Amino acid sequence: MGRRTGWLSFFWRYLRHRRYYVAIAGVLAVVTALLLIAAGGVADYGRNLALNLGADLIGTIVVLFLIAPMIERGDRGRDAVLDRFDHKAFIRQSRDSRQRIMVLELWLDLLQGGYRETFTAALRDAVEREVELRILLLDPDAAAARQRADDLGRTNVVTNILENLQRLDEFRRGLPDRLRRFVDIRVYSALPPVQMYRVDDHIIVSFFPVNMTSWNAAQYQTNPGAQLGTFVCSKFDELWEAENTRTLDQFRAVTVQVGAGEQTHHHKVRYVTMGERTFVSGGDIVAHHLNSGVAGLPARLVEANAQGERTVTGPFAFVPLDGGDPDGVQQLFEQKYGQNHDVVLELSPRRDREPDTASIPN
């Protein structure tokens, strides 16, 4: 019963997004009915009607199953060049997707401004049909983000990416548990040679011009079987599995190991970086060590990548953030999480011991 309701809901949404075509179909149905009624007095009406309907049905079958696939295969084998990225077309394709949606970008302007609501609605429609959604965005903490910001001049690359990641986190958290497994968001560190938007076998590719966002530059329409399509899909797979690629959860929270021996405790906390400096939201840490305080406690940072490989660095000492916040750390928390944090601690290398790095096997 639940599955039937789901299909009915999908069918209703499908019709709502195609009101124009539904209206045309309704008009044609009425005209057809009137013509059939008008022809009711013709001799051998039933036989003539059956003969004509049979001929039309055979023609329809030939067009759908023979001619249309040949035309589609011909279109797939032919690449095309577009003046710029067609946002509405990609939203429409995402809504109608059947297997997968894959995006490799710096950030998505589809998640900003007037496109945001229609695009997220299209993604939700797709995920509810169990379409796989994979999105790769540039890590705003990576040097490549600063490099691209220099290329674009006035565009605030880091802020745009952070806003995108927050929107995507909200989108994923708004899905039922059974659907979240179809959504995978990751951040990569190395600047790729191309951007890619893929829906099923339709691929749009662009490069990164100087002083211009990629979606305002020329776009190349291709498919997975073409040489260009094979190239960009392989680049997507490389970045997806890269050592420095992190999941969205790993980007938004990090584990801090506090104490040593039997007194070791692990805290999963929000964090921001500023160059080589790391600041964590320390409310839970301070509350857990309320009696002893955090001063003097050794801390280590446990970081992971999308492959599940973990690295532990430290030891560090906790340094409370100066009340004046001259470096603007609270502003970084605001950009990344949409809110400030009352207790912020900097992880500062301990002076009594050189920082060491250890890898923990998965």
Protein backbone atom coordinates (compact mmCIF):
# COMPACT_ATOMS: atom_id res chain seq x y z
CA MET A 1 0.00 0.00 0.00
CA GLY A 2 2.84 2.39 0.89
CA ARG A 3 4.63 1.69 -2.41
CA ARG A 4 1.40 2.33 -4.36
CA THR A 5 0.92 5.63 -2.53
CA GLY A 6 4.50 6.59 -3.38
CA TRP A 7 3.98 5.95 -7.08
CA LEU A 8 0.73 7.91 -7.06
CA SER A 9 2.50 10.79 -5.33
CA PHE A 10 5.30 10.71 -7.92
CA PHE A 11 2.76 10.59 -10.78
CA TRP A 12 0.91 13.59 -9.36
CA ARG A 13 4.15 15.59 -9.04
CA TYR A 14 5.08 14.55 -12.58
CA LEU A 15 1.78 15.97 -13.91
CA ARG A 16 2.09 19.16 -11.87
CA HIS A 17 5.44 19.97 -13.48
CA ARG A 18 3.97 19.41 -16.96
CA ARG A 19 0.71 21.33 -16.78
CA TYR A 20 1.20 22.70 -20.29
CA TYR A 21 1.41 19.22 -21.80
CA VAL A 22 -1.46 17.97 -19.66
CA ALA A 23 -3.62 20.85 -20.91
CA ILE A 24 -2.78 20.06 -24.55
CA ALA A 25 -3.52 16.35 -23.99
CA GLY A 26 -6.88 17.28 -22.43
CA VAL A 27 -7.85 19.50 -25.38
CA LEU A 28 -6.85 16.81 -27.89
CA ALA A 29 -8.83 14.19 -25.98
CA VAL A 30 -11.95 16.37 -26.05
CA VAL A 31 -11.54 17.08 -29.79
CA THR A 32 -11.01 13.38 -30.48
CA ALA A 33 -14.13 12.45 -28.53
CA LEU A 34 -16.21 15.03 -30.44
CA LEU A 35 -14.94 13.75 -33.79
CA LEU A 36 -15.76 10.16 -32.85
CA ILE A 37 -19.25 11.17 -31.80
CA ALA A 38 -19.74 13.10 -35.04
CA ALA A 39 -18.66 10.05 -37.07
CA GLY A 40 -21.07 7.74 -35.23
CA GLY A 41 -23.49 7.57 -38.15
CA VAL A 42 -20.95 6.25 -40.66
CA ALA A 43 -21.66 2.77 -42.04
CA ASP A 44 -19.61 0.02 -40.39
CA TYR A 45 -18.53 2.54 -37.77
CA GLY A 46 -17.08 -0.07 -35.42
CA ARG A 47 -14.99 -1.79 -38.09
CA ASN A 48 -13.68 1.47 -39.53
CA LEU A 49 -12.80 2.73 -36.06
CA ALA A 50 -10.97 -0.50 -35.20
CA LEU A 51 -9.11 -0.45 -38.54
CA ASN A 52 -7.93 3.14 -38.10
CA LEU A 53 -6.99 2.67 -34.45
CA GLY A 54 -5.07 -0.48 -35.33
CA ALA A 55 -3.12 1.31 -38.07
CA ASP A 56 -2.32 4.23 -35.74
CA LEU A 57 -1.24 1.83 -33.01
CA ILE A 58 1.15 0.03 -35.36
CA GLY A 59 2.61 3.38 -36.44
CA THR A 60 3.06 4.44 -32.83
CA ILE A 61 4.86 1.19 -31.97
CA VAL A 62 7.21 1.60 -34.93
CA VAL A 63 8.04 5.20 -33.94
CA LEU A 64 8.54 4.44 -30.23
CA PHE A 65 10.52 1.23 -30.47
CA LEU A 66 12.36 1.54 -33.79
CA ILE A 67 12.72 5.10 -35.02
CA ALA A 68 13.03 6.95 -31.67
CA PRO A 69 15.88 4.74 -30.33
CA MET A 70 17.80 5.24 -33.58
CA ILE A 71 17.43 9.01 -33.33
CA GLU A 72 18.43 8.93 -29.66
CA ARG A 73 21.56 6.88 -30.39
CA GLY A 74 22.47 9.31 -33.14
CA ASP A 75 22.09 12.27 -30.75
CA ARG A 76 24.21 10.56 -28.11
CA GLY A 77 27.07 10.13 -30.51
CA ARG A 78 27.06 13.82 -31.43
CA ASP A 79 28.65 16.39 -29.12
CA ALA A 80 27.41 19.97 -29.09
CA VAL A 81 28.69 23.34 -27.89
CA LEU A 82 26.42 25.63 -25.85
CA ASP A 83 27.00 29.34 -25.19
CA ARG A 84 26.52 28.95 -21.43
CA PHE A 85 25.13 26.61 -18.82
CA ASP A 86 21.35 26.14 -19.06
CA HIS A 87 20.19 26.08 -15.42
CA LYS A 88 16.53 25.39 -16.19
CA ALA A 89 17.38 22.50 -18.50
CA PHE A 90 19.57 20.85 -15.87
CA ILE A 91 16.86 21.26 -13.23
CA ARG A 92 14.35 19.67 -15.61
CA GLN A 93 16.73 16.81 -16.41
CA SER A 94 17.40 16.25 -12.70
CA ARG A 95 13.69 16.03 -12.00
CA ASP A 96 13.29 13.43 -14.76
CA SER A 97 16.45 11.46 -13.95
CA ARG A 98 16.25 7.68 -13.68
CA GLN A 99 19.65 6.48 -12.42
CA ARG A 100 22.17 9.08 -11.33
CA ILE A 101 22.98 12.75 -10.88
CA MET A 102 26.66 13.66 -10.62
CA VAL A 103 28.20 17.12 -10.23
CA LEU A 104 31.85 18.23 -10.14
CA GLU A 105 32.05 21.94 -9.38
CA LEU A 106 33.63 24.64 -7.25
CA TRP A 107 30.19 25.56 -5.96
CA LEU A 108 26.65 25.44 -7.35
CA ASP A 109 24.86 28.66 -8.19
CA LEU A 110 21.83 26.37 -8.54
CA LEU A 111 21.72 26.44 -4.73
CA GLN A 112 21.58 30.23 -4.67
CA GLY A 113 19.06 32.87 -5.58
CA GLY A 114 16.01 32.03 -7.65
CA TYR A 115 17.15 28.52 -8.61
CA ARG A 116 17.51 27.15 -5.09
CA GLU A 117 13.95 26.03 -4.32
CA THR A 118 13.22 24.48 -7.72
CA PHE A 119 16.59 22.72 -7.82
CA THR A 120 16.32 21.21 -4.33
CA ALA A 121 12.75 20.15 -5.12
CA ALA A 122 13.99 18.43 -8.29
CA LEU A 123 16.74 16.69 -6.31
CA ARG A 124 14.23 15.50 -3.74
CA ASP A 125 11.95 14.14 -6.46
CA ALA A 126 14.91 12.25 -7.91
CA VAL A 127 16.09 10.84 -4.58
CA GLU A 128 12.56 9.67 -3.77
CA ARG A 129 12.82 7.53 -6.93
CA GLU A 130 16.09 6.14 -5.52
CA VAL A 131 18.26 8.07 -7.99
CA GLU A 132 21.89 8.21 -6.84
CA LEU A 133 23.05 11.77 -6.09
CA ARG A 134 26.80 12.47 -5.96
CA ILE A 135 28.15 16.00 -5.62
CA LEU A 136 31.82 17.03 -5.43
CA LEU A 137 32.57 20.62 -4.39
CA LEU A 138 35.90 22.31 -3.75
CA ASP A 139 37.09 22.21 -0.14
CA PRO A 140 36.96 25.84 1.06
CA ASP A 141 39.93 25.11 3.37
CA ALA A 142 42.11 24.04 0.42
CA ALA A 143 44.74 26.23 -1.22
CA ALA A 144 42.92 25.67 -4.53
CA ALA A 145 39.99 27.73 -3.21
CA ARG A 146 42.27 30.72 -2.66
CA GLN A 147 43.83 30.17 -6.09
CA ARG A 148 40.44 30.21 -7.81
CA ALA A 149 39.43 33.28 -5.78
CA ASP A 150 42.47 35.09 -7.22
CA ASP A 151 41.39 34.04 -10.73
CA LEU A 152 37.85 35.35 -10.27
CA GLY A 153 38.81 38.62 -8.60
CA ARG A 154 35.85 40.02 -6.69
CA THR A 155 33.92 36.74 -6.31
CA ASN A 156 34.07 35.36 -2.75
CA VAL A 157 34.75 31.72 -3.57
CA VAL A 158 35.07 30.48 0.03
CA THR A 159 31.82 32.09 1.18
CA ASN A 160 29.91 30.65 -1.79
CA ILE A 161 31.23 27.13 -1.15
CA LEU A 162 30.46 27.30 2.58
CA GLU A 163 26.93 28.47 1.84
CA ASN A 164 26.48 25.59 -0.63
CA LEU A 165 27.69 22.99 1.86
CA GLN A 166 25.36 24.33 4.53
CA ARG A 167 22.40 24.17 2.11
CA LEU A 168 23.31 20.61 1.10
CA ASP A 169 23.62 19.55 4.73
CA GLU A 170 20.15 20.97 5.41
CA PHE A 171 18.80 19.19 2.32
CA ARG A 172 20.23 15.83 3.37
CA ARG A 173 19.07 16.15 6.98
CA GLY A 174 15.57 16.95 5.74
CA LEU A 175 15.32 13.57 4.01
CA PRO A 176 13.94 10.44 5.68
CA ASP A 177 16.61 8.00 6.86
CA ARG A 178 15.75 5.52 4.10
CA LEU A 179 16.61 8.11 1.42
CA ARG A 180 19.81 9.58 2.85
CA ARG A 181 21.83 6.62 1.62
CA PHE A 182 21.23 7.80 -1.95
CA VAL A 183 22.88 11.18 -1.24
CA ASP A 184 26.66 11.52 -1.01
CA ILE A 185 28.35 14.92 -0.79
CA ARG A 186 32.13 15.28 -0.73
CA VAL A 187 34.76 18.03 -0.86
CA TYR A 188 38.00 17.74 -2.82
CA SER A 189 41.29 19.63 -2.44
CA ALA A 190 42.96 19.70 -5.86
CA LEU A 191 41.60 22.05 -8.50
CA PRO A 192 40.22 19.87 -11.33
CA PRO A 193 40.71 20.65 -15.04
CA VAL A 194 36.95 20.71 -15.72
CA GLN A 195 33.51 21.04 -14.20
CA MET A 196 30.89 18.40 -14.94
CA TYR A 197 27.12 18.14 -14.66
CA ARG A 198 25.76 14.69 -15.41
CA VAL A 199 22.21 13.34 -15.43
CA ASP A 200 22.05 9.69 -16.51
CA ASP A 201 23.87 9.67 -19.88
CA HIS A 202 23.68 13.42 -20.51
CA ILE A 203 26.89 15.27 -19.59
CA ILE A 204 27.68 18.99 -19.66
CA VAL A 205 31.36 19.94 -19.42
CA SER A 206 33.11 23.26 -19.06
CA PHE A 207 36.57 24.53 -18.18
CA PHE A 208 37.60 27.20 -15.68
CA PRO A 209 38.23 30.49 -17.49
CA VAL A 210 40.02 33.40 -15.83
CA ASN A 211 37.82 36.25 -14.54
CA MET A 212 34.63 34.29 -15.29
CA THR A 213 32.62 31.57 -13.56
CA SER A 214 32.49 28.33 -15.51
CA TRP A 215 28.71 28.37 -16.03
CA ASN A 216 29.02 31.67 -17.92
CA ALA A 217 31.59 30.17 -20.30
CA ALA A 218 31.09 27.80 -23.25
CA GLN A 219 29.63 24.40 -22.35
CA TYR A 220 30.27 21.11 -24.13
CA GLN A 221 27.44 18.60 -24.31
CA THR A 222 28.64 15.01 -24.47
CA ASN A 223 27.93 11.48 -23.22
CA PRO A 224 29.80 8.75 -21.29
CA GLY A 225 30.70 6.89 -24.50
CA ALA A 226 32.40 9.87 -26.15
CA GLN A 227 36.08 10.64 -25.63
CA LEU A 228 35.39 13.84 -23.70
CA GLY A 229 32.71 12.14 -21.60
CA THR A 230 35.06 9.29 -20.72
CA PHE A 231 37.76 11.78 -19.72
CA VAL A 232 35.59 13.87 -17.37
CA CYS A 233 33.96 10.81 -15.79
CA SER A 234 37.42 9.40 -15.03
CA LYS A 235 38.44 12.71 -13.43
CA PHE A 236 35.30 12.63 -11.30
CA ASP A 237 36.12 9.09 -10.13
CA GLU A 238 39.73 10.07 -9.34
CA LEU A 239 38.67 13.00 -7.17
CA TRP A 240 35.88 10.98 -5.56
CA GLU A 241 38.40 8.43 -4.30
CA ALA A 242 41.33 10.83 -3.74
CA GLU A 243 43.27 10.70 -0.49
CA ASN A 244 42.41 14.29 0.48
CA THR A 245 38.71 14.04 -0.41
CA ARG A 246 36.38 14.20 2.61
CA THR A 247 32.70 13.52 3.12
CA LEU A 248 30.39 16.34 4.12
CA ASP A 249 30.18 14.95 7.67
CA GLN A 250 33.97 14.89 7.92
CA PHE A 251 34.14 18.47 6.71
CA ARG A 252 31.61 19.67 9.26
CA ALA A 253 32.91 17.82 12.34
CA VAL A 254 36.22 16.49 13.62
CA THR A 255 37.16 14.24 16.54
CA VAL A 256 39.33 15.60 19.36
CA GLN A 257 41.02 13.07 21.62
CA VAL A 258 41.50 14.53 25.10
CA GLY A 259 43.68 13.09 27.86
CA ALA A 260 45.87 10.01 27.89
CA GLY A 261 45.63 6.35 28.88
CA GLU A 262 42.46 5.31 30.68
CA GLN A 263 41.45 8.95 31.03
CA THR A 264 41.18 9.44 27.26
CA HIS A 265 37.89 10.83 25.95
CA HIS A 266 36.80 11.49 22.38
CA HIS A 267 34.68 14.48 21.42
CA LYS A 268 33.14 15.05 17.98
CA VAL A 269 33.08 18.82 17.54
CA ARG A 270 32.59 21.52 14.97
CA TYR A 271 35.72 23.32 13.84
CA VAL A 272 37.23 25.94 11.52
CA THR A 273 40.73 26.47 10.22
CA MET A 274 42.77 29.60 9.60
CA GLY A 275 45.90 28.72 7.69
CA GLU A 276 47.70 26.18 9.88
CA ARG A 277 45.61 27.04 12.96
CA THR A 278 42.60 24.95 14.07
CA PHE A 279 39.78 26.18 16.31
CA VAL A 280 37.11 23.88 17.76
CA SER A 281 33.76 24.45 19.41
CA GLY A 282 34.73 23.53 22.95
CA GLY A 283 31.44 23.61 24.86
CA ASP A 284 31.19 19.81 25.26
CA ILE A 285 34.90 19.47 26.04
CA VAL A 286 34.81 22.10 28.78
CA ALA A 287 31.60 20.67 30.27
CA HIS A 288 33.07 17.15 30.41
CA HIS A 289 36.20 18.36 32.19
CA LEU A 290 34.46 20.91 34.35
CA ASN A 291 36.04 19.72 37.61
CA SER A 292 39.63 19.50 36.41
CA GLY A 293 39.54 22.13 33.66
CA VAL A 294 41.10 21.75 30.22
CA ALA A 295 44.31 23.67 30.93
CA GLY A 296 47.26 21.29 30.67
CA LEU A 297 45.26 18.42 29.16
CA PRO A 298 46.92 16.90 26.08
CA ALA A 299 44.71 16.87 22.98
CA ARG A 300 45.07 15.18 19.61
CA LEU A 301 43.19 15.80 16.40
CA VAL A 302 41.71 12.75 14.66
CA GLU A 303 40.98 13.45 10.99
CA ALA A 304 39.60 11.08 8.35
CA ASN A 305 39.10 10.98 4.60
CA ALA A 306 36.28 9.57 2.48
CA GLN A 307 38.05 6.20 2.30
CA GLY A 308 37.91 5.83 6.09
CA GLU A 309 41.66 6.34 6.59
CA ARG A 310 42.39 8.26 9.77
CA THR A 311 45.34 10.40 10.84
CA VAL A 312 46.09 11.58 14.38
CA THR A 313 48.14 14.74 14.94
CA GLY A 314 49.33 16.36 18.15
CA PRO A 315 49.70 16.71 20.99
CA PHE A 316 48.06 20.10 21.35
CA ALA A 317 47.12 22.35 24.25
CA PHE A 318 43.75 24.11 24.53
CA VAL A 319 43.93 27.90 24.32
CA PRO A 320 40.64 29.75 24.92
CA LEU A 321 39.72 32.26 22.24
CA ASP A 322 40.45 35.84 23.21
CA GLY A 323 37.23 37.67 24.04
CA GLY A 324 38.00 40.36 21.48
CA ASP A 325 38.37 37.79 18.67
CA PRO A 326 40.76 39.98 16.65
CA ASP A 327 41.27 37.26 14.03
CA GLY A 328 37.57 36.91 13.21
CA VAL A 329 37.27 33.24 14.22
CA GLN A 330 33.63 33.62 15.23
CA GLN A 331 32.91 34.98 11.78
CA LEU A 332 34.38 31.77 10.30
CA PHE A 333 32.03 29.70 12.48
CA GLU A 334 29.14 31.89 11.34
CA GLN A 335 30.00 31.34 7.68
CA LYS A 336 30.44 27.59 8.04
CA TYR A 337 27.58 26.72 10.41
CA GLY A 338 25.28 29.72 10.33
CA GLN A 339 25.84 30.52 14.00
CA ASN A 340 28.48 31.60 16.50
CA HIS A 341 29.82 29.36 19.27
CA ASP A 342 30.07 30.50 22.88
CA VAL A 343 33.16 28.46 23.74
CA VAL A 344 35.95 28.31 21.16
CA LEU A 345 39.31 26.66 21.83
CA GLU A 346 42.41 26.83 19.69
CA LEU A 347 44.50 23.68 19.34
CA SER A 348 47.99 25.04 19.92
CA PRO A 349 51.09 22.79 19.63
CA ARG A 350 52.38 21.93 23.12
CA ARG A 351 55.72 23.51 23.92
CA ASP A 352 56.86 20.68 26.17
CA ARG A 353 56.84 18.21 23.26
CA GLU A 354 57.33 18.34 19.54
CA PRO A 355 54.14 17.64 17.56
CA ASP A 356 54.02 14.09 16.27
CA THR A 357 51.92 12.46 13.60
CA ALA A 358 50.62 8.89 13.65
CA SER A 359 48.43 7.01 11.23
CA ILE A 360 45.75 4.67 12.45
CA PRO A 361 44.73 1.90 10.02
CA ASN A 362 41.05 1.73 9.17
